[in-house]
Amino acid sequence: MAGGLVLGVQNATDRFETWAYAWTLVVLVGPGIGRCLVGMMRGRGDLAASGSRLIVAGLVAVVVLAAFFEVVVGIGGRVTVHPAAKPLRSC
């Protein structure tokens, strides 16, 4: 279900390059939500706690990777380069 939601948002916004970091939502946050819900429903605090840790780890990973790929690499093509970062032109 998490994969479908991510792909739905990417399709609606035409930003499929975000898959470079959005996979963490599918691989970490999705199962984390599942573990958290099962843990709460069955009264298993250990499952709920491990699910919460997966959710936090996935959200931190997506923010760090998004910052790297969008700002440093510029995969979205929407980043303007600071003038000091441009190569110097010869006169």
Protein backbone atom coordinates (compact mmCIF):
# COMPACT_ATOMS: atom_id res chain seq x y z
CA MET A 1 0.00 0.00 0.00
CA ALA A 2 2.85 2.41 0.81
CA GLY A 3 4.37 1.82 -2.62
CA GLY A 4 1.07 2.63 -4.30
CA LEU A 5 0.73 5.86 -2.36
CA VAL A 6 4.27 6.96 -3.23
CA LEU A 7 3.80 6.12 -6.91
CA GLY A 8 0.41 7.86 -6.92
CA VAL A 9 1.92 11.08 -5.60
CA GLN A 10 4.82 10.81 -8.05
CA ASN A 11 2.41 10.25 -10.94
CA ALA A 12 0.23 13.21 -9.91
CA THR A 13 3.23 15.54 -9.58
CA ASP A 14 5.29 14.04 -12.45
CA ARG A 15 8.32 13.81 -10.15
CA PHE A 16 9.47 10.21 -10.59
CA GLU A 17 13.06 11.21 -9.84
CA THR A 18 12.06 11.43 -6.19
CA TRP A 19 12.18 7.62 -6.11
CA ALA A 20 15.91 8.12 -5.36
CA TYR A 21 14.88 8.83 -1.76
CA ALA A 22 11.17 7.98 -1.52
CA TRP A 23 11.96 4.24 -1.39
CA THR A 24 12.69 4.71 2.32
CA LEU A 25 8.99 5.41 2.84
CA VAL A 26 8.12 2.03 1.32
CA VAL A 27 10.95 -0.01 2.87
CA LEU A 28 11.03 1.50 6.38
CA VAL A 29 7.95 3.62 7.13
CA GLY A 30 5.37 1.24 5.61
CA PRO A 31 6.45 -1.83 7.61
CA GLY A 32 6.95 0.39 10.65
CA ILE A 33 3.32 1.50 10.52
CA GLY A 34 2.26 -2.13 10.18
CA ARG A 35 4.36 -3.29 13.14
CA CYS A 36 3.15 -0.38 15.24
CA LEU A 37 -0.52 -1.12 14.50
CA VAL A 38 -0.16 -4.87 15.12
CA GLY A 39 1.69 -4.19 18.36
CA MET A 40 -1.04 -1.84 19.58
CA MET A 41 -3.87 -4.17 18.58
CA ARG A 42 -2.31 -7.24 20.21
CA GLY A 43 -1.01 -5.44 23.25
CA ARG A 44 2.60 -6.10 22.31
CA GLY A 45 4.60 -3.06 23.36
CA ASP A 46 7.78 -4.50 21.86
CA LEU A 47 6.23 -4.63 18.37
CA ALA A 48 4.77 -1.15 18.72
CA ALA A 49 8.12 0.23 19.90
CA SER A 50 10.07 -1.40 17.07
CA GLY A 51 7.49 -0.11 14.59
CA SER A 52 7.87 3.40 15.96
CA ARG A 53 11.65 3.16 15.60
CA LEU A 54 11.26 2.06 11.96
CA ILE A 55 8.95 4.98 11.26
CA VAL A 56 11.38 7.49 12.78
CA ALA A 57 14.36 5.93 10.98
CA GLY A 58 12.50 6.03 7.66
CA LEU A 59 11.44 9.65 8.06
CA VAL A 60 14.95 10.73 9.04
CA ALA A 61 16.37 8.80 6.07
CA VAL A 62 13.93 10.36 3.59
CA VAL A 63 14.73 13.89 4.83
CA VAL A 64 18.51 13.34 4.70
CA LEU A 65 18.39 11.66 1.28
CA ALA A 66 15.97 14.26 -0.10
CA ALA A 67 18.27 17.06 1.01
CA PHE A 68 21.23 15.33 -0.58
CA PHE A 69 19.60 14.45 -3.90
CA GLU A 70 17.60 17.67 -4.32
CA VAL A 71 20.15 20.19 -3.06
CA VAL A 72 23.57 18.64 -3.64
CA VAL A 73 22.91 16.51 -6.72
CA GLY A 74 19.98 18.55 -8.07
CA ILE A 75 18.03 15.63 -9.54
CA GLY A 76 14.84 17.67 -9.76
CA GLY A 77 16.43 20.31 -11.96
CA ARG A 78 14.88 23.02 -9.80
CA VAL A 79 18.00 24.04 -7.92
CA THR A 80 19.76 27.26 -8.79
CA VAL A 81 23.52 27.15 -8.47
CA HIS A 82 25.14 29.77 -6.28
CA PRO A 83 27.35 32.10 -8.38
CA ALA A 84 30.42 31.17 -6.33
CA ALA A 85 29.92 27.51 -7.30
CA LYS A 86 29.95 28.22 -11.06
CA PRO A 87 33.27 27.77 -12.82
CA LEU A 88 35.16 30.97 -13.55
CA ARG A 89 35.02 32.12 -17.13
CA SER A 90 38.16 33.24 -18.87
CA CYS A 91 38.24 36.86 -20.08
